[in-house]
Every structure is written in structure tokens, then in C-alpha cells.
Amino acid sequence: MTWLTVVLLIVSNVFMTFAWYGHLKHHQASPAWVVVLVSWGIAFFEYCFQVPANRLGAKAGLVTAQLKTIQELITLSVFVAFSALYLGESLRWNHFVGFGFVAVGALFVFKPW
């Protein structure tokens, strides 16, 4: 795995998280079609980072299951920071336990059986 793959996936997930959840803070009253169009515009930049990240990761020898697992772990990490810092939501112990189970599942994907 290359460090650039991880960096691109982090950037991609920041865009993705804002596209999916950013409107929940200030745009609850906005029409859904406006929010969808703005989210698509933001998601374009997600793809600009996600696609090269996956290509670089595959070229470095990662299989798609590993790439997806890395992406999901990064997604959870970005989401935790986003929900706490941007949305002001508090995370409870059960959220962390659930995220921990996902991380344990990731170990099985990377373990050579």
C-alpha cells in the first residue's frame, strides 16, 4: 500500500462526508433537489480523489476487498471527526464499540489465510 493511496482516500472521504451530511447543519429548509445538486457537485471532487487512490492501491498490489476495507476505516474516522467537530454531535460508547467491531473485521480482510 502506498501512503499516497491513503492520503487520497482521506481527502476523498472528507468530500464525501460533506456531500452526504454537510447539509444537515445549515440547510434543513433547502429544497431537496437543491441539496442533491450541490451534493453531486461536491461528490465530483470525491471521485477525483477516490478513483486515482484505488488505481494506485491496485497498482501497489492491494486487492479490491482491501481497498474497500481501507476506505471504510477511513470513512469511519472522518465521520467521527466530522460529526463531533462540524455537527457538534457527541459520540457514545456504543458507537465506539460498533466501530471497533468494524476494525476487527478489517483485520480478517488483511490476514493472509
C-alpha atoms as a PDB file:
ATOM      1  CA  MET A   1       0.000   0.000   0.000  1.00  0.00           C
ATOM      2  CA  THR A   2       1.298   3.425  -0.789  1.00  0.00           C
ATOM      3  CA  TRP A   3       0.987   6.393   1.505  1.00  0.00           C
ATOM      4  CA  LEU A   4      -0.454   8.362  -1.423  1.00  0.00           C
ATOM      5  CA  THR A   5      -3.362   5.912  -1.676  1.00  0.00           C
ATOM      6  CA  VAL A   6      -4.259   6.576   1.956  1.00  0.00           C
ATOM      7  CA  VAL A   7      -3.885  10.359   1.616  1.00  0.00           C
ATOM      8  CA  LEU A   8      -6.099  10.427  -1.481  1.00  0.00           C
ATOM      9  CA  LEU A   9      -8.692   8.272   0.274  1.00  0.00           C
ATOM     10  CA  ILE A  10      -8.725  10.631   3.254  1.00  0.00           C
ATOM     11  CA  VAL A  11      -9.262  13.664   1.021  1.00  0.00           C
ATOM     12  CA  SER A  12     -11.913  11.777  -0.926  1.00  0.00           C
ATOM     13  CA  ASN A  13     -13.765  10.884   2.255  1.00  0.00           C
ATOM     14  CA  VAL A  14     -13.752  14.460   3.511  1.00  0.00           C
ATOM     15  CA  PHE A  15     -15.536  15.498   0.307  1.00  0.00           C
ATOM     16  CA  MET A  16     -17.883  12.506   0.540  1.00  0.00           C
ATOM     17  CA  THR A  17     -18.815  13.230   4.136  1.00  0.00           C
ATOM     18  CA  PHE A  18     -19.606  16.869   3.363  1.00  0.00           C
ATOM     19  CA  ALA A  19     -21.608  15.811   0.294  1.00  0.00           C
ATOM     20  CA  TRP A  20     -23.684  13.341   2.286  1.00  0.00           C
ATOM     21  CA  TYR A  21     -24.028  15.051   5.663  1.00  0.00           C
ATOM     22  CA  GLY A  22     -22.881  18.680   5.387  1.00  0.00           C
ATOM     23  CA  HIS A  23     -26.336  19.990   4.508  1.00  0.00           C
ATOM     24  CA  LEU A  24     -27.760  18.697   7.786  1.00  0.00           C
ATOM     25  CA  LYS A  25     -26.251  21.584   9.744  1.00  0.00           C
ATOM     26  CA  HIS A  26     -27.469  24.666   7.884  1.00  0.00           C
ATOM     27  CA  HIS A  27     -29.701  23.599   5.010  1.00  0.00           C
ATOM     28  CA  GLN A  28     -32.565  21.606   6.501  1.00  0.00           C
ATOM     29  CA  ALA A  29     -35.078  24.023   4.945  1.00  0.00           C
ATOM     30  CA  SER A  30     -33.491  23.965   1.482  1.00  0.00           C
ATOM     31  CA  PRO A  31     -35.395  22.080  -1.206  1.00  0.00           C
ATOM     32  CA  ALA A  32     -34.179  18.514  -1.592  1.00  0.00           C
ATOM     33  CA  TRP A  33     -33.394  18.970  -5.296  1.00  0.00           C
ATOM     34  CA  VAL A  34     -31.036  21.861  -4.480  1.00  0.00           C
ATOM     35  CA  VAL A  35     -29.278  19.834  -1.812  1.00  0.00           C
ATOM     36  CA  VAL A  36     -28.957  16.874  -4.197  1.00  0.00           C
ATOM     37  CA  LEU A  37     -27.415  19.028  -6.923  1.00  0.00           C
ATOM     38  CA  VAL A  38     -24.964  20.661  -4.517  1.00  0.00           C
ATOM     39  CA  SER A  39     -24.099  17.244  -3.075  1.00  0.00           C
ATOM     40  CA  TRP A  40     -23.424  15.902  -6.575  1.00  0.00           C
ATOM     41  CA  GLY A  41     -21.135  18.861  -7.199  1.00  0.00           C
ATOM     42  CA  ILE A  42     -19.194  18.092  -4.033  1.00  0.00           C
ATOM     43  CA  ALA A  43     -19.156  14.369  -4.824  1.00  0.00           C
ATOM     44  CA  PHE A  44     -17.469  15.108  -8.155  1.00  0.00           C
ATOM     45  CA  PHE A  45     -14.358  16.082  -6.189  1.00  0.00           C
ATOM     46  CA  GLU A  46     -14.671  12.929  -4.095  1.00  0.00           C
ATOM     47  CA  TYR A  47     -14.406  10.881  -7.283  1.00  0.00           C
ATOM     48  CA  CYS A  48     -11.430  12.950  -8.457  1.00  0.00           C
ATOM     49  CA  PHE A  49      -9.514  11.590  -5.452  1.00  0.00           C
ATOM     50  CA  GLN A  50     -11.189   8.192  -4.959  1.00  0.00           C
ATOM     51  CA  VAL A  51     -10.580   6.816  -8.447  1.00  0.00           C
ATOM     52  CA  PRO A  52      -6.833   7.612  -8.543  1.00  0.00           C
ATOM     53  CA  ALA A  53      -6.466   6.285  -4.985  1.00  0.00           C
ATOM     54  CA  ASN A  54      -7.974   2.944  -5.988  1.00  0.00           C
ATOM     55  CA  ARG A  55      -5.850   2.752  -9.130  1.00  0.00           C
ATOM     56  CA  LEU A  56      -2.656   3.475  -7.171  1.00  0.00           C
ATOM     57  CA  GLY A  57      -3.615   0.967  -4.485  1.00  0.00           C
ATOM     58  CA  ALA A  58      -4.329  -1.731  -7.053  1.00  0.00           C
ATOM     59  CA  LYS A  59      -1.054  -0.992  -8.791  1.00  0.00           C
ATOM     60  CA  ALA A  60       0.685  -1.391  -5.401  1.00  0.00           C
ATOM     61  CA  GLY A  61      -0.812  -4.895  -5.063  1.00  0.00           C
ATOM     62  CA  LEU A  62      -3.934  -4.333  -2.974  1.00  0.00           C
ATOM     63  CA  VAL A  63      -6.997  -6.328  -3.961  1.00  0.00           C
ATOM     64  CA  THR A  64     -10.374  -4.616  -4.137  1.00  0.00           C
ATOM     65  CA  ALA A  65     -11.534  -6.057  -0.804  1.00  0.00           C
ATOM     66  CA  GLN A  66      -8.504  -4.491   0.856  1.00  0.00           C
ATOM     67  CA  LEU A  67      -9.044  -1.158  -0.889  1.00  0.00           C
ATOM     68  CA  LYS A  68     -12.680  -1.103   0.196  1.00  0.00           C
ATOM     69  CA  THR A  69     -11.763  -2.010   3.762  1.00  0.00           C
ATOM     70  CA  ILE A  70      -9.174   0.777   3.961  1.00  0.00           C
ATOM     71  CA  GLN A  71     -11.743   3.175   2.545  1.00  0.00           C
ATOM     72  CA  GLU A  72     -14.370   2.149   5.108  1.00  0.00           C
ATOM     73  CA  LEU A  73     -11.976   2.543   8.032  1.00  0.00           C
ATOM     74  CA  ILE A  74     -11.038   5.996   6.768  1.00  0.00           C
ATOM     75  CA  THR A  75     -14.730   6.804   6.270  1.00  0.00           C
ATOM     76  CA  LEU A  76     -15.478   5.966   9.895  1.00  0.00           C
ATOM     77  CA  SER A  77     -12.535   8.034  11.119  1.00  0.00           C
ATOM     78  CA  VAL A  78     -13.503  11.051   9.015  1.00  0.00           C
ATOM     79  CA  PHE A  79     -17.144  10.654  10.036  1.00  0.00           C
ATOM     80  CA  VAL A  80     -16.284  10.595  13.755  1.00  0.00           C
ATOM     81  CA  ALA A  81     -14.296  13.832  13.413  1.00  0.00           C
ATOM     82  CA  PHE A  82     -16.955  15.437  11.192  1.00  0.00           C
ATOM     83  CA  SER A  83     -19.912  14.575  13.405  1.00  0.00           C
ATOM     84  CA  ALA A  84     -18.149  15.809  16.522  1.00  0.00           C
ATOM     85  CA  LEU A  85     -16.391  18.898  15.158  1.00  0.00           C
ATOM     86  CA  TYR A  86     -18.746  20.117  12.423  1.00  0.00           C
ATOM     87  CA  LEU A  87     -22.158  18.852  13.508  1.00  0.00           C
ATOM     88  CA  GLY A  88     -21.451  19.110  17.241  1.00  0.00           C
ATOM     89  CA  GLU A  89     -22.812  15.647  17.924  1.00  0.00           C
ATOM     90  CA  SER A  90     -21.445  13.601  20.775  1.00  0.00           C
ATOM     91  CA  LEU A  91     -20.382  10.032  20.240  1.00  0.00           C
ATOM     92  CA  ARG A  92     -21.312   7.479  22.850  1.00  0.00           C
ATOM     93  CA  TRP A  93     -19.545   4.361  24.000  1.00  0.00           C
ATOM     94  CA  ASN A  94     -21.728   2.084  21.874  1.00  0.00           C
ATOM     95  CA  HIS A  95     -20.677   3.947  18.712  1.00  0.00           C
ATOM     96  CA  PHE A  96     -17.047   3.260  19.513  1.00  0.00           C
ATOM     97  CA  VAL A  97     -17.778  -0.408  20.239  1.00  0.00           C
ATOM     98  CA  GLY A  98     -19.520  -0.726  16.880  1.00  0.00           C
ATOM     99  CA  PHE A  99     -16.630   0.995  15.091  1.00  0.00           C
ATOM    100  CA  GLY A 100     -14.266  -1.319  16.944  1.00  0.00           C
ATOM    101  CA  PHE A 101     -16.082  -4.341  15.558  1.00  0.00           C
ATOM    102  CA  VAL A 102     -15.657  -2.927  12.060  1.00  0.00           C
ATOM    103  CA  ALA A 103     -11.924  -2.527  12.727  1.00  0.00           C
ATOM    104  CA  VAL A 104     -11.685  -6.128  13.941  1.00  0.00           C
ATOM    105  CA  GLY A 105     -13.466  -7.221  10.774  1.00  0.00           C
ATOM    106  CA  ALA A 106     -10.836  -5.334   8.789  1.00  0.00           C
ATOM    107  CA  LEU A 107      -8.136  -7.480  10.354  1.00  0.00           C
ATOM    108  CA  PHE A 108      -9.718 -10.543   8.765  1.00  0.00           C
ATOM    109  CA  VAL A 109      -9.568  -8.927   5.320  1.00  0.00           C
ATOM    110  CA  PHE A 110      -5.835  -8.250   5.615  1.00  0.00           C
ATOM    111  CA  LYS A 111      -4.869 -11.515   7.312  1.00  0.00           C
ATOM    112  CA  PRO A 112      -3.378 -13.930   4.787  1.00  0.00           C
ATOM    113  CA  TRP A 113      -5.247 -17.181   5.407  1.00  0.00           C
END
